[in-house]
Amino acid sequence: MDLTNKPLNILYKINPILGFIAMFVTQDIVLRFFFSEKKIINNNFSIPINSSIILAPTHRSRWDGLVLTMAMGRRITNKDCRFMVTRSEMRGLQGWFLERLGCFSVNQSSPSLKALRYAVELIERREQLVVFPEGKINKYGKKLVLKEGLFRLARIASKKTKSIFIIPIGIAYSKTSPRFRDKCCLSFGQPISIDHYLNLSIKEFNEFLSDEMINAEKKSLKKCR
């Protein structure tokens, strides 16, 4: 399900009933009973006031989205996490639910102008945009060259709105493939003001962001042992 044939304003709306049900089921039932421990490492983290936020987590498991929503979703920030996902994740019944929970798809190899414009508008409206910079589940945490989309998007948005922060986040589990009653942990890195890095090349910024994400993940891994 792509954005090419849909007006943008339709996708701004999260279905309130489905949103409430999803939050209750995932946070109060699934996460609570599946994991034996769930830890959040704040590292003196605070959300920059009156700023646009892009969350940049590591991507090790399909559980990442639920864990991130537990740490930065509506119950914590009074804002929903708006996930940018691959087109394959927006197919079928799963895609129907994800769309109504605020997710939207992007063709990684050739993102449409409409999809990029939609993402920029989310940033302008100070929604919580979630982008997995690794572009896919990187199960074993191998060092990858981050996708270029996040920095490109932030630079475009910086021309329309000020005070954009990218927050590196490390998510880790006690096992490489999380199993019932394993542990999970999320660690926040320090918010990165995009205004201070606009002169960097995409490669330079991505190397910096990758290091920040990995450092946050190392702290999570220590707490999961």
C-alpha atoms as a PDB file:
ATOM      1  CA  MET A   1       0.000   0.000   0.000  1.00  0.00           C
ATOM      2  CA  ASP A   2       1.838   3.096  -1.231  1.00  0.00           C
ATOM      3  CA  LEU A   3       0.970   6.767  -1.086  1.00  0.00           C
ATOM      4  CA  THR A   4       0.794   7.405  -4.815  1.00  0.00           C
ATOM      5  CA  ASN A   5      -3.014   7.280  -5.069  1.00  0.00           C
ATOM      6  CA  LYS A   6      -3.972   8.557  -1.629  1.00  0.00           C
ATOM      7  CA  PRO A   7      -4.406  12.144  -0.448  1.00  0.00           C
ATOM      8  CA  LEU A   8      -1.934  12.937   2.299  1.00  0.00           C
ATOM      9  CA  ASN A   9      -4.416  14.256   4.833  1.00  0.00           C
ATOM     10  CA  ILE A  10      -6.218  10.875   5.025  1.00  0.00           C
ATOM     11  CA  LEU A  11      -3.091   9.219   6.365  1.00  0.00           C
ATOM     12  CA  TYR A  12      -2.563  11.777   9.107  1.00  0.00           C
ATOM     13  CA  LYS A  13      -5.434  10.278  11.055  1.00  0.00           C
ATOM     14  CA  ILE A  14      -4.821   7.330  13.345  1.00  0.00           C
ATOM     15  CA  ASN A  15      -7.922   5.297  14.010  1.00  0.00           C
ATOM     16  CA  PRO A  16      -8.574   6.057  17.720  1.00  0.00           C
ATOM     17  CA  ILE A  17     -10.326   2.748  18.440  1.00  0.00           C
ATOM     18  CA  LEU A  18      -7.667   0.613  16.751  1.00  0.00           C
ATOM     19  CA  GLY A  19      -4.978   2.749  18.373  1.00  0.00           C
ATOM     20  CA  PHE A  20      -6.376   2.153  21.857  1.00  0.00           C
ATOM     21  CA  ILE A  21      -6.826  -1.579  21.256  1.00  0.00           C
ATOM     22  CA  ALA A  22      -3.327  -1.945  19.803  1.00  0.00           C
ATOM     23  CA  MET A  23      -1.756  -0.071  22.721  1.00  0.00           C
ATOM     24  CA  PHE A  24      -3.615  -2.168  25.294  1.00  0.00           C
ATOM     25  CA  VAL A  25      -2.896  -5.503  23.606  1.00  0.00           C
ATOM     26  CA  THR A  26       0.774  -4.867  22.845  1.00  0.00           C
ATOM     27  CA  GLN A  27       1.850  -3.041  26.009  1.00  0.00           C
ATOM     28  CA  ASP A  28      -0.427  -4.468  28.697  1.00  0.00           C
ATOM     29  CA  ILE A  29      -0.550  -8.047  27.473  1.00  0.00           C
ATOM     30  CA  VAL A  30       2.022  -9.045  24.843  1.00  0.00           C
ATOM     31  CA  LEU A  31       5.122  -7.170  26.064  1.00  0.00           C
ATOM     32  CA  ARG A  32       4.216  -7.650  29.703  1.00  0.00           C
ATOM     33  CA  PHE A  33       3.993 -11.431  29.497  1.00  0.00           C
ATOM     34  CA  PHE A  34       6.486 -12.188  26.723  1.00  0.00           C
ATOM     35  CA  PHE A  35       9.498 -10.446  28.279  1.00  0.00           C
ATOM     36  CA  SER A  36      10.622 -11.164  31.829  1.00  0.00           C
ATOM     37  CA  GLU A  37      12.233  -7.709  32.097  1.00  0.00           C
ATOM     38  CA  LYS A  38      11.852  -4.490  30.131  1.00  0.00           C
ATOM     39  CA  LYS A  39      14.383  -1.754  30.895  1.00  0.00           C
ATOM     40  CA  ILE A  40      14.670   1.818  29.688  1.00  0.00           C
ATOM     41  CA  ILE A  41      18.017   3.600  30.097  1.00  0.00           C
ATOM     42  CA  ASN A  42      17.412   7.340  30.010  1.00  0.00           C
ATOM     43  CA  ASN A  43      21.037   8.568  30.155  1.00  0.00           C
ATOM     44  CA  ASN A  44      19.713  11.952  31.389  1.00  0.00           C
ATOM     45  CA  PHE A  45      17.645  12.052  28.223  1.00  0.00           C
ATOM     46  CA  SER A  46      14.948  14.678  27.828  1.00  0.00           C
ATOM     47  CA  ILE A  47      12.850  15.495  24.787  1.00  0.00           C
ATOM     48  CA  PRO A  48      13.838  18.891  23.343  1.00  0.00           C
ATOM     49  CA  ILE A  49      10.947  21.324  23.907  1.00  0.00           C
ATOM     50  CA  ASN A  50       9.089  22.759  20.893  1.00  0.00           C
ATOM     51  CA  SER A  51      11.168  20.677  18.495  1.00  0.00           C
ATOM     52  CA  SER A  52      10.576  18.187  15.729  1.00  0.00           C
ATOM     53  CA  ILE A  53      11.752  14.677  16.596  1.00  0.00           C
ATOM     54  CA  ILE A  54      13.078  11.894  14.377  1.00  0.00           C
ATOM     55  CA  LEU A  55      13.713   8.644  16.235  1.00  0.00           C
ATOM     56  CA  ALA A  56      16.602   6.581  14.842  1.00  0.00           C
ATOM     57  CA  PRO A  57      16.722   3.131  16.501  1.00  0.00           C
ATOM     58  CA  THR A  58      18.852   0.101  15.787  1.00  0.00           C
ATOM     59  CA  HIS A  59      16.857  -2.704  14.163  1.00  0.00           C
ATOM     60  CA  ARG A  60      17.493  -6.189  15.522  1.00  0.00           C
ATOM     61  CA  SER A  61      14.055  -7.775  15.692  1.00  0.00           C
ATOM     62  CA  ARG A  62      10.397  -7.410  14.761  1.00  0.00           C
ATOM     63  CA  TRP A  63       9.869  -6.593  18.437  1.00  0.00           C
ATOM     64  CA  ASP A  64      11.700  -3.270  18.018  1.00  0.00           C
ATOM     65  CA  GLY A  65       8.641  -1.280  17.025  1.00  0.00           C
ATOM     66  CA  LEU A  66       6.647  -2.443  20.053  1.00  0.00           C
ATOM     67  CA  VAL A  67       9.532  -1.802  22.452  1.00  0.00           C
ATOM     68  CA  LEU A  68      10.076   1.663  20.993  1.00  0.00           C
ATOM     69  CA  THR A  69       6.381   2.502  21.291  1.00  0.00           C
ATOM     70  CA  MET A  70       6.458   1.406  24.933  1.00  0.00           C
ATOM     71  CA  ALA A  71       9.322   3.867  25.572  1.00  0.00           C
ATOM     72  CA  MET A  72       8.224   6.796  23.382  1.00  0.00           C
ATOM     73  CA  GLY A  73       4.567   6.228  22.513  1.00  0.00           C
ATOM     74  CA  ARG A  74       1.405   8.059  23.507  1.00  0.00           C
ATOM     75  CA  ARG A  75       1.489   6.975  27.149  1.00  0.00           C
ATOM     76  CA  ILE A  76       4.897   8.581  27.611  1.00  0.00           C
ATOM     77  CA  THR A  77       4.990  11.554  25.229  1.00  0.00           C
ATOM     78  CA  ASN A  78       1.298  12.104  24.390  1.00  0.00           C
ATOM     79  CA  LYS A  79       2.304  11.497  20.772  1.00  0.00           C
ATOM     80  CA  ASP A  80       2.092   8.450  18.548  1.00  0.00           C
ATOM     81  CA  CYS A  81       5.134   6.997  16.828  1.00  0.00           C
ATOM     82  CA  ARG A  82       4.734   7.394  13.064  1.00  0.00           C
ATOM     83  CA  PHE A  83       6.791   4.631  11.458  1.00  0.00           C
ATOM     84  CA  MET A  84       8.340   4.855   8.024  1.00  0.00           C
ATOM     85  CA  VAL A  85       8.391   1.236   6.810  1.00  0.00           C
ATOM     86  CA  THR A  86       9.206  -0.708   3.661  1.00  0.00           C
ATOM     87  CA  ARG A  87       6.523  -1.370   1.069  1.00  0.00           C
ATOM     88  CA  SER A  88       6.598  -5.110   1.784  1.00  0.00           C
ATOM     89  CA  GLU A  89       5.410  -4.490   5.356  1.00  0.00           C
ATOM     90  CA  MET A  90       2.327  -2.627   4.151  1.00  0.00           C
ATOM     91  CA  ARG A  91       0.798  -5.504   2.217  1.00  0.00           C
ATOM     92  CA  GLY A  92      -2.346  -7.442   3.023  1.00  0.00           C
ATOM     93  CA  LEU A  93      -4.085  -7.472   6.382  1.00  0.00           C
ATOM     94  CA  GLN A  94      -0.924  -6.359   8.207  1.00  0.00           C
ATOM     95  CA  GLY A  95      -0.684  -3.312   5.967  1.00  0.00           C
ATOM     96  CA  TRP A  96      -4.362  -2.466   6.572  1.00  0.00           C
ATOM     97  CA  PHE A  97      -3.752  -2.349  10.332  1.00  0.00           C
ATOM     98  CA  LEU A  98      -0.396  -0.568  10.100  1.00  0.00           C
ATOM     99  CA  GLU A  99      -1.813   2.189   7.909  1.00  0.00           C
ATOM    100  CA  ARG A 100      -4.559   2.881  10.447  1.00  0.00           C
ATOM    101  CA  LEU A 101      -1.984   2.972  13.233  1.00  0.00           C
ATOM    102  CA  GLY A 102       0.011   5.726  11.539  1.00  0.00           C
ATOM    103  CA  CYS A 103       2.589   3.805   9.494  1.00  0.00           C
ATOM    104  CA  PHE A 104       3.384   4.637   5.887  1.00  0.00           C
ATOM    105  CA  SER A 105       5.505   3.010   3.234  1.00  0.00           C
ATOM    106  CA  VAL A 106       8.483   4.209   1.257  1.00  0.00           C
ATOM    107  CA  ASN A 107      10.184   2.583  -1.697  1.00  0.00           C
ATOM    108  CA  GLN A 108      13.779   2.563  -0.401  1.00  0.00           C
ATOM    109  CA  SER A 109      15.369   2.346  -3.836  1.00  0.00           C
ATOM    110  CA  SER A 110      13.262   5.152  -5.319  1.00  0.00           C
ATOM    111  CA  PRO A 111      11.082   7.027  -2.817  1.00  0.00           C
ATOM    112  CA  SER A 112       8.210   8.945  -4.383  1.00  0.00           C
ATOM    113  CA  LEU A 113       7.983  12.713  -4.003  1.00  0.00           C
ATOM    114  CA  LYS A 114       4.595  12.277  -2.357  1.00  0.00           C
ATOM    115  CA  ALA A 115       6.021   9.939   0.293  1.00  0.00           C
ATOM    116  CA  LEU A 116       8.893  12.321   1.014  1.00  0.00           C
ATOM    117  CA  ARG A 117       6.516  15.275   1.195  1.00  0.00           C
ATOM    118  CA  TYR A 118       4.337  13.363   3.618  1.00  0.00           C
ATOM    119  CA  ALA A 119       7.307  12.573   5.861  1.00  0.00           C
ATOM    120  CA  VAL A 120       8.416  16.224   5.794  1.00  0.00           C
ATOM    121  CA  GLU A 121       4.899  17.333   6.731  1.00  0.00           C
ATOM    122  CA  LEU A 122       4.952  14.955   9.699  1.00  0.00           C
ATOM    123  CA  ILE A 123       8.185  16.585  10.836  1.00  0.00           C
ATOM    124  CA  GLU A 124       6.701  20.057  10.351  1.00  0.00           C
ATOM    125  CA  ARG A 125       3.676  19.074  12.427  1.00  0.00           C
ATOM    126  CA  ARG A 126       6.053  17.881  15.177  1.00  0.00           C
ATOM    127  CA  GLU A 127       4.858  14.310  15.041  1.00  0.00           C
ATOM    128  CA  GLN A 128       7.275  11.592  16.202  1.00  0.00           C
ATOM    129  CA  LEU A 129       8.699  10.160  13.007  1.00  0.00           C
ATOM    130  CA  VAL A 130      10.483   6.808  13.322  1.00  0.00           C
ATOM    131  CA  VAL A 131      13.089   5.834  10.721  1.00  0.00           C
ATOM    132  CA  PHE A 132      15.230   2.695  10.996  1.00  0.00           C
ATOM    133  CA  PRO A 133      18.467   3.994   9.415  1.00  0.00           C
ATOM    134  CA  GLU A 134      19.812   0.478   8.776  1.00  0.00           C
ATOM    135  CA  GLY A 135      16.900  -0.050   6.395  1.00  0.00           C
ATOM    136  CA  LYS A 136      16.182  -3.634   7.466  1.00  0.00           C
ATOM    137  CA  ILE A 137      16.457  -6.000  10.410  1.00  0.00           C
ATOM    138  CA  ASN A 138      20.176  -6.343  11.115  1.00  0.00           C
ATOM    139  CA  LYS A 139      19.838  -9.362  13.392  1.00  0.00           C
ATOM    140  CA  TYR A 140      23.486  -9.801  14.374  1.00  0.00           C
ATOM    141  CA  GLY A 141      24.349  -6.109  14.613  1.00  0.00           C
ATOM    142  CA  LYS A 142      26.923  -6.132  11.841  1.00  0.00           C
ATOM    143  CA  LYS A 143      28.181  -2.674  10.926  1.00  0.00           C
ATOM    144  CA  LEU A 144      26.152  -1.482   7.947  1.00  0.00           C
ATOM    145  CA  VAL A 145      26.315   1.595   5.789  1.00  0.00           C
ATOM    146  CA  LEU A 146      23.207   3.453   6.887  1.00  0.00           C
ATOM    147  CA  LYS A 147      20.606   4.359   4.285  1.00  0.00           C
ATOM    148  CA  GLU A 148      20.767   7.915   2.982  1.00  0.00           C
ATOM    149  CA  GLY A 149      17.088   8.708   3.420  1.00  0.00           C
ATOM    150  CA  LEU A 150      17.070   9.936   7.021  1.00  0.00           C
ATOM    151  CA  PHE A 151      19.697  12.664   6.558  1.00  0.00           C
ATOM    152  CA  ARG A 152      18.245  13.717   3.201  1.00  0.00           C
ATOM    153  CA  LEU A 153      14.819  13.972   4.783  1.00  0.00           C
ATOM    154  CA  ALA A 154      16.095  15.985   7.753  1.00  0.00           C
ATOM    155  CA  ARG A 155      17.925  18.411   5.456  1.00  0.00           C
ATOM    156  CA  ILE A 156      14.805  18.977   3.350  1.00  0.00           C
ATOM    157  CA  ALA A 157      12.675  19.480   6.453  1.00  0.00           C
ATOM    158  CA  SER A 158      15.222  21.913   7.937  1.00  0.00           C
ATOM    159  CA  LYS A 159      14.389  24.343   5.117  1.00  0.00           C
ATOM    160  CA  LYS A 160      10.781  24.457   6.290  1.00  0.00           C
ATOM    161  CA  THR A 161      11.029  24.188  10.054  1.00  0.00           C
ATOM    162  CA  LYS A 162      13.647  24.904  12.676  1.00  0.00           C
ATOM    163  CA  SER A 163      14.827  22.849  15.647  1.00  0.00           C
ATOM    164  CA  ILE A 164      14.890  19.297  14.293  1.00  0.00           C
ATOM    165  CA  PHE A 165      16.492  16.671  16.519  1.00  0.00           C
ATOM    166  CA  ILE A 166      17.472  13.116  15.619  1.00  0.00           C
ATOM    167  CA  ILE A 167      17.511  10.793  18.614  1.00  0.00           C
ATOM    168  CA  PRO A 168      19.802   7.736  18.306  1.00  0.00           C
ATOM    169  CA  ILE A 169      18.388   4.733  20.140  1.00  0.00           C
ATOM    170  CA  GLY A 170      19.854   1.321  20.918  1.00  0.00           C
ATOM    171  CA  ILE A 171      17.478  -1.629  21.364  1.00  0.00           C
ATOM    172  CA  ALA A 172      18.844  -4.964  22.557  1.00  0.00           C
ATOM    173  CA  TYR A 173      17.678  -8.367  23.774  1.00  0.00           C
ATOM    174  CA  SER A 174      19.191 -11.011  26.005  1.00  0.00           C
ATOM    175  CA  LYS A 175      19.136 -13.433  23.037  1.00  0.00           C
ATOM    176  CA  THR A 176      19.817 -12.679  19.396  1.00  0.00           C
ATOM    177  CA  SER A 177      16.365 -14.010  18.549  1.00  0.00           C
ATOM    178  CA  PRO A 178      14.124 -13.035  21.488  1.00  0.00           C
ATOM    179  CA  ARG A 179      12.264 -15.933  23.097  1.00  0.00           C
ATOM    180  CA  PHE A 180       9.566 -16.163  25.724  1.00  0.00           C
ATOM    181  CA  ARG A 181      10.671 -14.619  29.061  1.00  0.00           C
ATOM    182  CA  ASP A 182      13.866 -13.130  27.648  1.00  0.00           C
ATOM    183  CA  LYS A 183      14.893  -9.568  28.526  1.00  0.00           C
ATOM    184  CA  CYS A 184      14.766  -6.433  26.421  1.00  0.00           C
ATOM    185  CA  CYS A 185      16.336  -3.037  26.924  1.00  0.00           C
ATOM    186  CA  LEU A 186      16.226   0.346  25.209  1.00  0.00           C
ATOM    187  CA  SER A 187      18.839   3.079  25.647  1.00  0.00           C
ATOM    188  CA  PHE A 188      18.559   6.696  24.514  1.00  0.00           C
ATOM    189  CA  GLY A 189      21.497   8.532  23.015  1.00  0.00           C
ATOM    190  CA  GLN A 190      21.801  12.296  23.228  1.00  0.00           C
ATOM    191  CA  PRO A 191      19.550  14.218  20.797  1.00  0.00           C
ATOM    192  CA  ILE A 192      21.395  15.443  17.710  1.00  0.00           C
ATOM    193  CA  SER A 193      20.451  18.919  16.463  1.00  0.00           C
ATOM    194  CA  ILE A 194      20.426  18.652  12.680  1.00  0.00           C
ATOM    195  CA  ASP A 195      21.263  22.358  12.359  1.00  0.00           C
ATOM    196  CA  HIS A 196      24.783  21.628  13.626  1.00  0.00           C
ATOM    197  CA  TYR A 197      25.489  18.998  10.956  1.00  0.00           C
ATOM    198  CA  LEU A 198      24.008  20.391   7.747  1.00  0.00           C
ATOM    199  CA  ASN A 199      27.460  20.981   6.272  1.00  0.00           C
ATOM    200  CA  LEU A 200      28.457  17.329   6.582  1.00  0.00           C
ATOM    201  CA  SER A 201      28.205  14.924   3.685  1.00  0.00           C
ATOM    202  CA  ILE A 202      25.669  12.120   3.962  1.00  0.00           C
ATOM    203  CA  LYS A 203      28.498   9.632   4.472  1.00  0.00           C
ATOM    204  CA  GLU A 204      30.048  11.690   7.277  1.00  0.00           C
ATOM    205  CA  PHE A 205      26.762  12.183   9.078  1.00  0.00           C
ATOM    206  CA  ASN A 206      25.768   8.536   8.756  1.00  0.00           C
ATOM    207  CA  GLU A 207      29.090   7.406  10.223  1.00  0.00           C
ATOM    208  CA  PHE A 208      28.523   9.742  13.173  1.00  0.00           C
ATOM    209  CA  LEU A 209      24.910   8.608  13.634  1.00  0.00           C
ATOM    210  CA  SER A 210      25.899   4.941  13.357  1.00  0.00           C
ATOM    211  CA  ASP A 211      28.460   5.364  16.139  1.00  0.00           C
ATOM    212  CA  GLU A 212      25.859   7.049  18.366  1.00  0.00           C
ATOM    213  CA  MET A 213      23.330   4.260  17.742  1.00  0.00           C
ATOM    214  CA  ILE A 214      25.881   1.532  18.432  1.00  0.00           C
ATOM    215  CA  ASN A 215      27.054   3.232  21.637  1.00  0.00           C
ATOM    216  CA  ALA A 216      23.454   3.367  22.845  1.00  0.00           C
ATOM    217  CA  GLU A 217      22.982  -0.279  21.914  1.00  0.00           C
ATOM    218  CA  LYS A 218      26.093  -1.315  23.873  1.00  0.00           C
ATOM    219  CA  LYS A 219      24.547   0.167  27.011  1.00  0.00           C
ATOM    220  CA  SER A 220      21.364  -1.793  26.343  1.00  0.00           C
ATOM    221  CA  LEU A 221      23.289  -5.027  25.864  1.00  0.00           C
ATOM    222  CA  LYS A 222      25.018  -4.625  29.231  1.00  0.00           C
ATOM    223  CA  LYS A 223      21.656  -4.317  30.975  1.00  0.00           C
ATOM    224  CA  CYS A 224      20.279  -7.387  29.193  1.00  0.00           C
ATOM    225  CA  ARG A 225      22.942  -9.762  30.525  1.00  0.00           C
END
